[in-house]
Amino acid sequence: MIQNTTLLYVVDNTGVKTAFTIKVMGTTVARLGSLLVLSVRKTFVTRKVNKGDVVMGVTVTLKKPSKRRSGNVVRGDFNSAVLIKKTELEPLGNRVFWPVASELRVLGFSKIVALARNTI
C-alpha cells in the first residue's frame, strides 16, 4: 500500500534509485497507475534528475496483492514507480527495466507498457 511518506524504487533509466512519496493524487492510498508527487532520494552518478528534485511518477508494481477482473491476484516484489513529465503523461526515461502491470495500458499509460521488458 503506497501512501504519503512511502519509499519507492524507480525502475526507469532516469538515474534515480529511490524516491519518497510526497502526495498521492486523488486519494490517500495509491493503486496501480496512480499519479504521485515524488521527491528524489538516491541517484546514480550519471543522471537526468538530481537529488532533491520534485517530480511526478506513476505506480507500476505494488507489493500489496491486487485482484483482477478475471479473479487472478497480482503481486510485485516491491513498490516501484516510473517518472513522468509534469505536463504530459509521457515517461522521462527511454527504458523501463522491470516488468510492469498490464492494467497501465487501460489507464492510458501505453507508452510505459511499450517501453517495459514484459508485463505481468
Foldseek 3Di string as FASTA:
>chain_A
DDFAQDKAAEFFPQFAGIWGFHGFPPDGDDDAFTKTWTAGDDGHPDHNDDHGDIFIKGWFFDQDWDADPVGDIDGDPHTYIFTAHPVDRHGPHQAGEDAGAPVNVVVPHVVNCVRYPHHD
